[in-house]
N, C-alpha and C. Protein backbone atom coordinates (compact mmCIF):
# COMPACT_ATOMS: atom_id res chain seq x y z
N MET A 1 1.54 10.51 -20.79
CA MET A 1 1.45 11.89 -19.59
C MET A 1 0.67 11.13 -18.67
N ASP A 2 1.19 11.11 -17.33
CA ASP A 2 0.51 10.54 -16.22
C ASP A 2 -0.50 11.20 -15.33
N LEU A 3 -1.30 10.68 -14.71
CA LEU A 3 -2.32 10.85 -13.81
C LEU A 3 -1.54 10.20 -12.15
N THR A 4 -1.86 11.15 -11.37
CA THR A 4 -1.35 11.15 -9.84
C THR A 4 -2.50 11.23 -8.82
N THR A 5 -2.65 10.53 -7.90
CA THR A 5 -3.65 10.18 -6.75
C THR A 5 -3.27 9.97 -5.63
N ILE A 6 -4.12 10.33 -4.72
CA ILE A 6 -3.15 9.77 -3.01
C ILE A 6 -4.05 9.16 -2.61
N TYR A 7 -3.83 8.78 -1.69
CA TYR A 7 -5.19 7.93 -0.85
C TYR A 7 -4.70 7.75 0.56
N VAL A 8 -5.25 7.80 1.63
CA VAL A 8 -4.98 7.83 2.45
C VAL A 8 -5.57 6.82 3.82
N PHE A 9 -4.93 5.88 4.17
CA PHE A 9 -5.72 4.64 5.21
C PHE A 9 -4.85 4.66 6.33
N ASP A 10 -5.42 4.14 7.06
CA ASP A 10 -4.97 3.99 8.55
C ASP A 10 -4.57 2.40 8.71
N ALA A 11 -3.90 2.38 9.55
CA ALA A 11 -3.13 0.94 10.20
C ALA A 11 -2.13 0.87 11.28
N ALA A 12 -2.12 -0.21 12.15
CA ALA A 12 -1.18 -0.67 12.74
C ALA A 12 -0.28 -1.22 12.48
N HIS A 13 0.96 -1.40 13.16
CA HIS A 13 1.93 -2.52 12.80
C HIS A 13 3.35 -2.12 13.66
N ARG A 14 4.10 -3.21 13.26
CA ARG A 14 5.57 -3.05 14.43
C ARG A 14 6.46 -3.63 13.66
N ILE A 15 7.79 -3.63 13.86
CA ILE A 15 9.24 -3.84 13.47
C ILE A 15 9.91 -5.03 14.75
N ALA A 16 9.29 -6.23 14.90
CA ALA A 16 9.83 -6.69 14.82
C ALA A 16 10.97 -7.27 15.30
N GLY A 17 12.13 -6.95 16.26
CA GLY A 17 13.09 -7.15 16.02
C GLY A 17 14.11 -5.36 16.24
N HIS A 18 13.03 -4.61 15.84
CA HIS A 18 13.82 -3.43 16.18
C HIS A 18 14.44 -2.76 17.32
N PRO A 19 15.55 -1.90 17.50
CA PRO A 19 15.97 -1.35 18.37
C PRO A 19 15.30 -0.48 18.85
N GLY A 20 14.51 -0.12 18.30
CA GLY A 20 13.61 0.89 18.83
C GLY A 20 12.18 0.74 19.36
N LYS A 21 12.06 1.94 19.69
CA LYS A 21 10.08 2.22 19.46
C LYS A 21 9.46 1.89 18.44
N CYS A 22 9.91 1.45 17.14
CA CYS A 22 9.20 0.82 15.88
C CYS A 22 8.94 -0.92 16.45
N ALA A 23 9.46 -1.50 17.60
CA ALA A 23 9.44 -2.80 17.64
C ALA A 23 7.74 -2.79 18.12
N TRP A 24 7.43 -2.03 19.07
CA TRP A 24 5.71 -1.90 19.65
C TRP A 24 5.34 -1.83 18.41
N LEU A 25 3.69 -2.50 19.11
CA LEU A 25 2.61 -2.65 17.67
C LEU A 25 2.02 -0.52 18.30
N HIS A 26 2.42 0.14 16.74
CA HIS A 26 1.54 1.16 17.19
C HIS A 26 0.75 1.36 15.53
N GLY A 27 0.50 2.67 15.47
CA GLY A 27 -0.39 2.71 14.01
C GLY A 27 -0.25 4.02 13.26
N HIS A 28 -0.31 4.25 12.17
CA HIS A 28 -0.12 5.30 11.43
C HIS A 28 -1.06 5.96 11.05
N THR A 29 -1.09 7.15 10.25
CA THR A 29 -2.05 7.01 9.12
C THR A 29 -1.42 7.26 8.20
N TYR A 30 -0.99 6.84 6.92
CA TYR A 30 -0.30 6.00 6.14
C TYR A 30 -1.30 7.02 4.54
N HIS A 31 -0.35 7.94 4.07
CA HIS A 31 -0.75 8.31 2.52
C HIS A 31 0.17 7.67 1.26
N LEU A 32 -0.76 7.07 0.63
CA LEU A 32 -0.48 6.14 -0.67
C LEU A 32 -0.77 7.25 -1.91
N GLU A 33 0.20 7.29 -2.64
CA GLU A 33 0.39 8.33 -3.57
C GLU A 33 0.66 7.23 -4.94
N VAL A 34 -0.24 7.27 -5.93
CA VAL A 34 -0.07 6.51 -7.23
C VAL A 34 0.09 7.53 -8.27
N THR A 35 0.94 6.87 -8.58
CA THR A 35 1.18 7.58 -10.82
C THR A 35 1.27 6.60 -11.55
N VAL A 36 0.09 6.82 -12.59
CA VAL A 36 -0.27 5.93 -13.50
C VAL A 36 0.07 6.91 -14.78
N SER A 37 0.55 5.99 -16.03
CA SER A 37 0.46 6.62 -17.27
C SER A 37 0.35 5.88 -18.41
N SER A 38 -0.53 6.79 -19.61
CA SER A 38 -0.65 5.78 -20.71
C SER A 38 0.24 7.29 -21.92
N PRO A 39 0.83 6.48 -22.74
CA PRO A 39 1.11 7.22 -23.72
C PRO A 39 -0.43 8.21 -25.09
N THR A 40 -1.11 7.79 -24.67
CA THR A 40 -2.39 8.48 -25.20
C THR A 40 -3.50 8.38 -24.47
N LEU A 41 -4.34 9.58 -24.19
CA LEU A 41 -5.45 9.90 -23.84
C LEU A 41 -6.34 9.48 -24.55
N ASN A 42 -7.14 8.79 -23.63
CA ASN A 42 -9.08 8.34 -23.85
C ASN A 42 -9.62 8.95 -24.98
N PRO A 43 -10.99 8.55 -25.36
CA PRO A 43 -11.43 9.79 -25.99
C PRO A 43 -11.98 10.94 -25.15
N LEU A 44 -12.54 10.32 -23.84
CA LEU A 44 -12.86 11.70 -23.23
C LEU A 44 -11.72 12.44 -22.35
N GLY A 45 -9.72 12.30 -23.24
CA GLY A 45 -9.11 13.08 -23.00
C GLY A 45 -8.11 12.82 -21.37
N MET A 46 -8.43 11.56 -21.16
CA MET A 46 -7.86 11.33 -19.85
C MET A 46 -6.88 10.29 -19.83
N VAL A 47 -6.14 9.91 -19.27
CA VAL A 47 -5.01 8.58 -18.69
C VAL A 47 -6.31 7.75 -18.71
N MET A 48 -7.25 7.29 -17.64
CA MET A 48 -8.23 7.29 -17.13
C MET A 48 -9.08 7.95 -16.17
N ASP A 49 -9.94 7.66 -15.86
CA ASP A 49 -10.92 8.02 -14.87
C ASP A 49 -10.67 7.89 -13.37
N PHE A 50 -10.13 9.01 -12.92
CA PHE A 50 -10.02 9.02 -11.34
C PHE A 50 -10.89 7.94 -10.61
N ALA A 51 -12.14 7.55 -10.90
CA ALA A 51 -12.87 7.01 -10.30
C ALA A 51 -12.37 5.25 -10.66
N ASP A 52 -12.07 5.38 -11.95
CA ASP A 52 -11.38 4.03 -12.34
C ASP A 52 -10.28 3.75 -11.41
N LEU A 53 -9.32 4.60 -11.44
CA LEU A 53 -7.75 4.25 -10.46
C LEU A 53 -8.33 4.08 -9.32
N GLY A 54 -9.35 4.96 -8.68
CA GLY A 54 -9.53 4.74 -7.07
C GLY A 54 -9.68 2.93 -6.91
N ASP A 55 -10.92 2.65 -7.74
CA ASP A 55 -11.72 1.35 -7.66
C ASP A 55 -10.25 -0.01 -7.67
N ALA A 56 -9.17 0.25 -8.77
CA ALA A 56 -7.99 -0.63 -8.53
C ALA A 56 -6.98 -0.39 -7.51
N VAL A 57 -7.21 0.80 -6.94
CA VAL A 57 -6.26 1.23 -5.79
C VAL A 57 -7.02 0.44 -4.22
N ARG A 58 -8.40 0.71 -4.84
CA ARG A 58 -9.59 0.00 -3.64
C ARG A 58 -9.01 -1.51 -3.14
N LYS A 59 -9.05 -2.00 -4.57
CA LYS A 59 -9.49 -3.63 -4.60
C LYS A 59 -7.65 -4.01 -4.43
N ALA A 60 -6.81 -3.19 -4.96
CA ALA A 60 -5.39 -3.63 -4.46
C ALA A 60 -4.99 -3.75 -3.29
N VAL A 61 -5.19 -2.67 -2.32
CA VAL A 61 -4.09 -2.44 -0.91
C VAL A 61 -5.15 -1.37 -0.04
N LEU A 62 -5.81 -0.80 -0.50
CA LEU A 62 -6.95 -0.10 0.77
C LEU A 62 -8.10 -1.33 1.45
N ASP A 63 -8.52 -1.75 0.23
CA ASP A 63 -9.57 -2.58 0.96
C ASP A 63 -8.81 -3.94 1.79
N LEU A 64 -7.64 -4.06 1.89
CA LEU A 64 -6.73 -4.95 2.35
C LEU A 64 -6.00 -4.81 3.60
N TRP A 65 -5.38 -3.39 3.66
CA TRP A 65 -4.28 -3.00 4.56
C TRP A 65 -5.53 -1.37 5.30
N ASP A 66 -5.94 -0.97 5.44
CA ASP A 66 -7.10 0.04 6.12
C ASP A 66 -7.75 -0.43 6.86
N HIS A 67 -7.22 0.04 8.52
CA HIS A 67 -8.05 -0.46 9.64
C HIS A 67 -7.01 -2.15 9.68
N ALA A 68 -5.72 -2.73 9.43
CA ALA A 68 -5.89 -3.80 9.56
C ALA A 68 -4.65 -3.60 10.58
N THR A 69 -3.98 -4.97 10.70
CA THR A 69 -2.68 -4.73 11.59
C THR A 69 -1.72 -5.26 10.49
N LEU A 70 -0.99 -4.68 10.02
CA LEU A 70 0.10 -5.36 9.33
C LEU A 70 1.69 -5.58 9.58
N LEU A 71 1.67 -6.93 9.61
CA LEU A 71 2.82 -8.07 10.54
C LEU A 71 3.77 -8.49 9.53
N ALA A 72 5.21 -9.26 9.82
CA ALA A 72 5.64 -9.82 9.18
C ALA A 72 5.25 -11.10 9.06
N ALA A 73 5.10 -11.74 8.34
CA ALA A 73 4.61 -13.80 8.07
C ALA A 73 5.04 -13.95 9.20
N ASP A 74 6.51 -14.08 9.58
CA ASP A 74 6.57 -14.64 11.24
C ASP A 74 6.61 -14.14 12.10
N ASP A 75 5.99 -12.77 12.26
CA ASP A 75 5.90 -11.90 13.71
C ASP A 75 5.23 -12.87 14.54
N PRO A 76 5.82 -13.37 16.00
CA PRO A 76 5.43 -14.08 16.91
C PRO A 76 3.57 -13.61 17.07
N LEU A 77 3.69 -12.49 17.14
CA LEU A 77 2.58 -11.10 17.66
C LEU A 77 1.01 -11.75 16.93
N GLY A 78 1.58 -12.47 15.28
CA GLY A 78 0.13 -12.45 14.50
C GLY A 78 -0.66 -12.99 15.12
N PRO A 79 -0.26 -14.59 15.35
CA PRO A 79 -1.38 -15.06 15.73
C PRO A 79 -2.13 -14.96 17.20
N ALA A 80 -1.73 -14.17 18.20
CA ALA A 80 -2.10 -13.64 19.46
C ALA A 80 -3.29 -12.20 18.77
N ILE A 81 -2.50 -11.89 17.87
CA ILE A 81 -3.63 -10.70 17.31
C ILE A 81 -4.95 -11.25 16.15
N SER A 82 -4.18 -12.36 15.84
CA SER A 82 -5.60 -13.01 15.08
C SER A 82 -6.94 -13.28 16.10
N ALA A 83 -6.50 -14.02 16.94
CA ALA A 83 -7.06 -14.64 17.67
C ALA A 83 -7.78 -14.28 18.57
N VAL A 84 -7.28 -12.45 19.08
CA VAL A 84 -7.88 -11.50 19.52
C VAL A 84 -9.24 -10.99 18.34
N GLN A 85 -8.63 -10.81 17.46
CA GLN A 85 -9.77 -10.25 16.03
C GLN A 85 -10.42 -11.34 15.46
N ARG A 86 -10.83 -12.54 16.43
CA ARG A 86 -11.34 -13.87 15.29
C ARG A 86 -12.05 -13.18 14.65
N GLU A 87 -13.31 -12.59 15.16
CA GLU A 87 -14.24 -11.86 13.89
C GLU A 87 -14.08 -10.91 12.83
N ALA A 88 -12.80 -10.56 12.54
CA ALA A 88 -12.28 -10.18 11.16
C ALA A 88 -10.94 -10.44 11.26
N PRO A 89 -10.54 -11.49 10.73
CA PRO A 89 -9.41 -12.02 10.79
C PRO A 89 -8.64 -11.52 9.70
N ASP A 90 -9.54 -10.84 8.30
CA ASP A 90 -9.07 -10.09 7.05
C ASP A 90 -8.05 -9.02 7.70
N ARG A 91 -8.49 -8.29 8.68
CA ARG A 91 -8.01 -7.39 9.33
C ARG A 91 -6.22 -7.54 9.56
N VAL A 92 -5.68 -8.84 10.23
CA VAL A 92 -4.49 -9.26 10.38
C VAL A 92 -3.98 -9.58 8.79
N VAL A 93 -2.94 -8.84 8.40
CA VAL A 93 -2.42 -9.00 7.02
C VAL A 93 -1.27 -9.08 7.58
N LEU A 94 -0.48 -10.84 6.80
CA LEU A 94 0.79 -10.98 7.44
C LEU A 94 1.66 -10.96 5.66
N LEU A 95 2.76 -10.28 5.60
CA LEU A 95 3.64 -9.83 4.90
C LEU A 95 4.58 -10.37 4.36
N PRO A 96 5.36 -10.55 3.79
CA PRO A 96 7.40 -11.41 3.48
C PRO A 96 8.47 -10.71 3.78
N GLY A 97 7.98 -10.49 4.91
CA GLY A 97 8.97 -8.74 5.38
C GLY A 97 8.68 -8.24 6.71
N HIS A 98 9.17 -7.70 6.96
CA HIS A 98 8.89 -6.52 8.12
C HIS A 98 7.92 -5.15 7.24
N PRO A 99 6.52 -4.88 7.77
CA PRO A 99 6.18 -3.93 7.28
C PRO A 99 6.68 -2.70 7.13
N THR A 100 8.07 -2.78 7.32
CA THR A 100 8.60 -1.39 6.76
C THR A 100 7.56 -0.36 6.10
N ALA A 101 8.05 1.02 5.77
CA ALA A 101 7.66 1.63 4.40
C ALA A 101 8.02 0.93 3.33
N GLU A 102 8.90 0.85 3.14
CA GLU A 102 9.70 0.19 1.68
C GLU A 102 8.82 -1.11 1.04
N VAL A 103 8.79 -2.10 2.48
CA VAL A 103 8.10 -3.25 2.18
C VAL A 103 6.82 -3.04 1.19
N LEU A 104 6.24 -2.23 2.52
CA LEU A 104 4.94 -1.96 1.87
C LEU A 104 4.40 -1.09 0.49
N THR A 105 5.82 -0.25 0.26
CA THR A 105 5.70 0.41 -0.84
C THR A 105 5.89 -0.83 -1.98
N ARG A 106 7.05 -1.50 -1.94
CA ARG A 106 6.99 -2.89 -3.05
C ARG A 106 5.78 -3.57 -3.56
N GLU A 107 4.97 -3.78 -1.42
CA GLU A 107 3.80 -4.79 -1.47
C GLU A 107 2.67 -4.01 -2.49
N ALA A 108 2.34 -2.53 -2.23
CA ALA A 108 1.82 -1.70 -3.11
C ALA A 108 1.57 -1.70 -4.70
N TRP A 109 3.17 -1.70 -5.08
CA TRP A 109 3.61 -1.87 -6.20
C TRP A 109 2.40 -3.29 -7.32
N THR A 110 3.29 -4.65 -6.59
CA THR A 110 3.16 -5.50 -7.17
C THR A 110 1.32 -5.66 -7.15
N ARG A 111 0.89 -5.50 -5.94
CA ARG A 111 -0.63 -5.47 -6.21
C ARG A 111 -1.29 -4.51 -7.15
N LEU A 112 -0.61 -3.50 -7.19
CA LEU A 112 -1.58 -2.43 -8.14
C LEU A 112 -1.35 -2.86 -9.40
N GLU A 113 0.04 -3.31 -9.61
CA GLU A 113 0.78 -3.35 -11.43
C GLU A 113 -0.88 -4.49 -11.73
N ARG A 114 -1.19 -5.38 -11.33
CA ARG A 114 -2.13 -6.30 -11.37
C ARG A 114 -3.35 -6.33 -11.66
N GLN A 115 -3.74 -5.04 -11.17
CA GLN A 115 -4.90 -4.22 -11.51
C GLN A 115 -5.46 -3.46 -12.36
N LEU A 116 -4.24 -2.56 -12.74
CA LEU A 116 -4.84 -1.70 -13.92
C LEU A 116 -4.77 -2.64 -14.87
N PRO A 117 -6.01 -1.57 -15.57
CA PRO A 117 -5.89 -1.96 -17.17
C PRO A 117 -5.22 -2.11 -18.47
N ALA A 118 -5.49 -2.95 -19.41
CA ALA A 118 -4.36 -2.75 -20.17
C ALA A 118 -3.46 -1.37 -20.88
N GLY A 119 -2.92 -0.97 -21.31
CA GLY A 119 -2.12 -0.06 -21.68
C GLY A 119 -2.17 1.56 -20.67
N ILE A 120 -2.68 0.85 -19.67
CA ILE A 120 -1.72 1.77 -18.21
C ILE A 120 -0.60 1.54 -17.34
N ALA A 121 0.33 2.04 -17.02
CA ALA A 121 1.50 1.79 -16.60
C ALA A 121 1.65 2.31 -15.24
N LEU A 122 2.27 1.58 -14.35
CA LEU A 122 2.14 1.99 -13.17
C LEU A 122 3.82 2.66 -13.52
N GLU A 123 4.08 3.78 -12.99
CA GLU A 123 4.79 4.84 -12.88
C GLU A 123 5.63 4.68 -11.84
N ARG A 124 4.76 4.97 -10.83
CA ARG A 124 5.22 5.23 -9.14
C ARG A 124 4.65 5.40 -7.70
N VAL A 125 4.79 4.79 -6.91
CA VAL A 125 3.97 4.33 -6.09
C VAL A 125 4.24 4.73 -4.71
N ALA A 126 4.44 5.88 -4.09
CA ALA A 126 4.63 6.51 -2.41
C ALA A 126 4.11 6.10 -1.39
N ILE A 127 4.61 5.85 -0.13
CA ILE A 127 3.83 5.99 1.14
C ILE A 127 4.75 6.56 1.64
N ARG A 128 3.90 7.30 2.44
CA ARG A 128 4.17 7.96 4.06
C ARG A 128 3.81 7.79 5.43
N GLU A 129 4.28 7.16 6.26
CA GLU A 129 3.76 6.71 7.34
C GLU A 129 4.44 8.04 8.51
N THR A 130 4.44 9.19 7.84
CA THR A 130 4.16 10.35 8.70
C THR A 130 4.55 11.17 7.59
N PRO A 131 4.13 13.24 8.13
CA PRO A 131 4.58 13.86 7.34
C PRO A 131 5.44 13.88 6.45
N THR A 132 7.11 13.17 7.16
CA THR A 132 8.42 13.54 7.08
C THR A 132 8.93 12.22 6.72
N CYS A 133 8.67 10.66 6.49
CA CYS A 133 9.29 9.83 6.20
C CYS A 133 8.23 8.77 5.47
N GLY A 134 8.81 8.32 4.77
CA GLY A 134 8.43 7.35 3.60
C GLY A 134 8.88 6.77 2.55
N SER A 135 8.72 6.02 1.75
CA SER A 135 9.01 5.53 0.64
C SER A 135 8.46 5.66 -0.23
N ALA A 136 9.26 5.32 -1.62
CA ALA A 136 8.94 5.40 -2.88
C ALA A 136 9.79 4.52 -3.93
N ILE A 137 9.10 3.86 -4.99
CA ILE A 137 9.88 2.75 -6.16
C ILE A 137 8.55 3.88 -6.99
N SER A 138 10.15 3.63 -8.48
CA SER A 138 9.28 4.30 -9.71
C SER A 138 9.70 3.25 -10.75
N ARG A 139 9.07 3.27 -11.88
CA ARG A 139 9.66 2.38 -13.26
C ARG A 139 11.03 2.95 -13.48
N PRO A 140 11.76 2.51 -13.82
CA PRO A 140 12.99 2.66 -14.49
C PRO A 140 12.85 3.57 -15.61
N LYS A 141 13.24 4.60 -16.14
CA LYS A 141 12.97 5.29 -17.46
C LYS A 141 14.40 4.49 -18.03
N THR A 142 13.75 4.06 -19.26
CA THR A 142 14.29 3.67 -20.55
C THR A 142 15.24 4.41 -21.54
């Protein structure tokens, strides 16, 4: 059985080297969709409690990325933004690649998998930058 939740967060990013407007620092209201599963339901008839899943998503992703600037680790803008935001250094997040929807989706997957309790499998993570553009990753079907 699956359980799906959607979370909303705001963040700035840029794709350094992009030939278009995505090269400029800009923001999005992201939508993060998380699907987990369990082969059995708990004694209350749930895959897991929505609040517990929300806690895991907050710890893994939202507390780090919400209202942050997401940049590639080698983005030359990183030190400048960090200097301007020295009172909130955790609001500049350096990622192991350009902060595209695809990279954010992969990073969210990796972080979420580590936060889930035993017996709960991560099935799908999707991130939308806009209502019409996003990325998703799913567990391969066996």
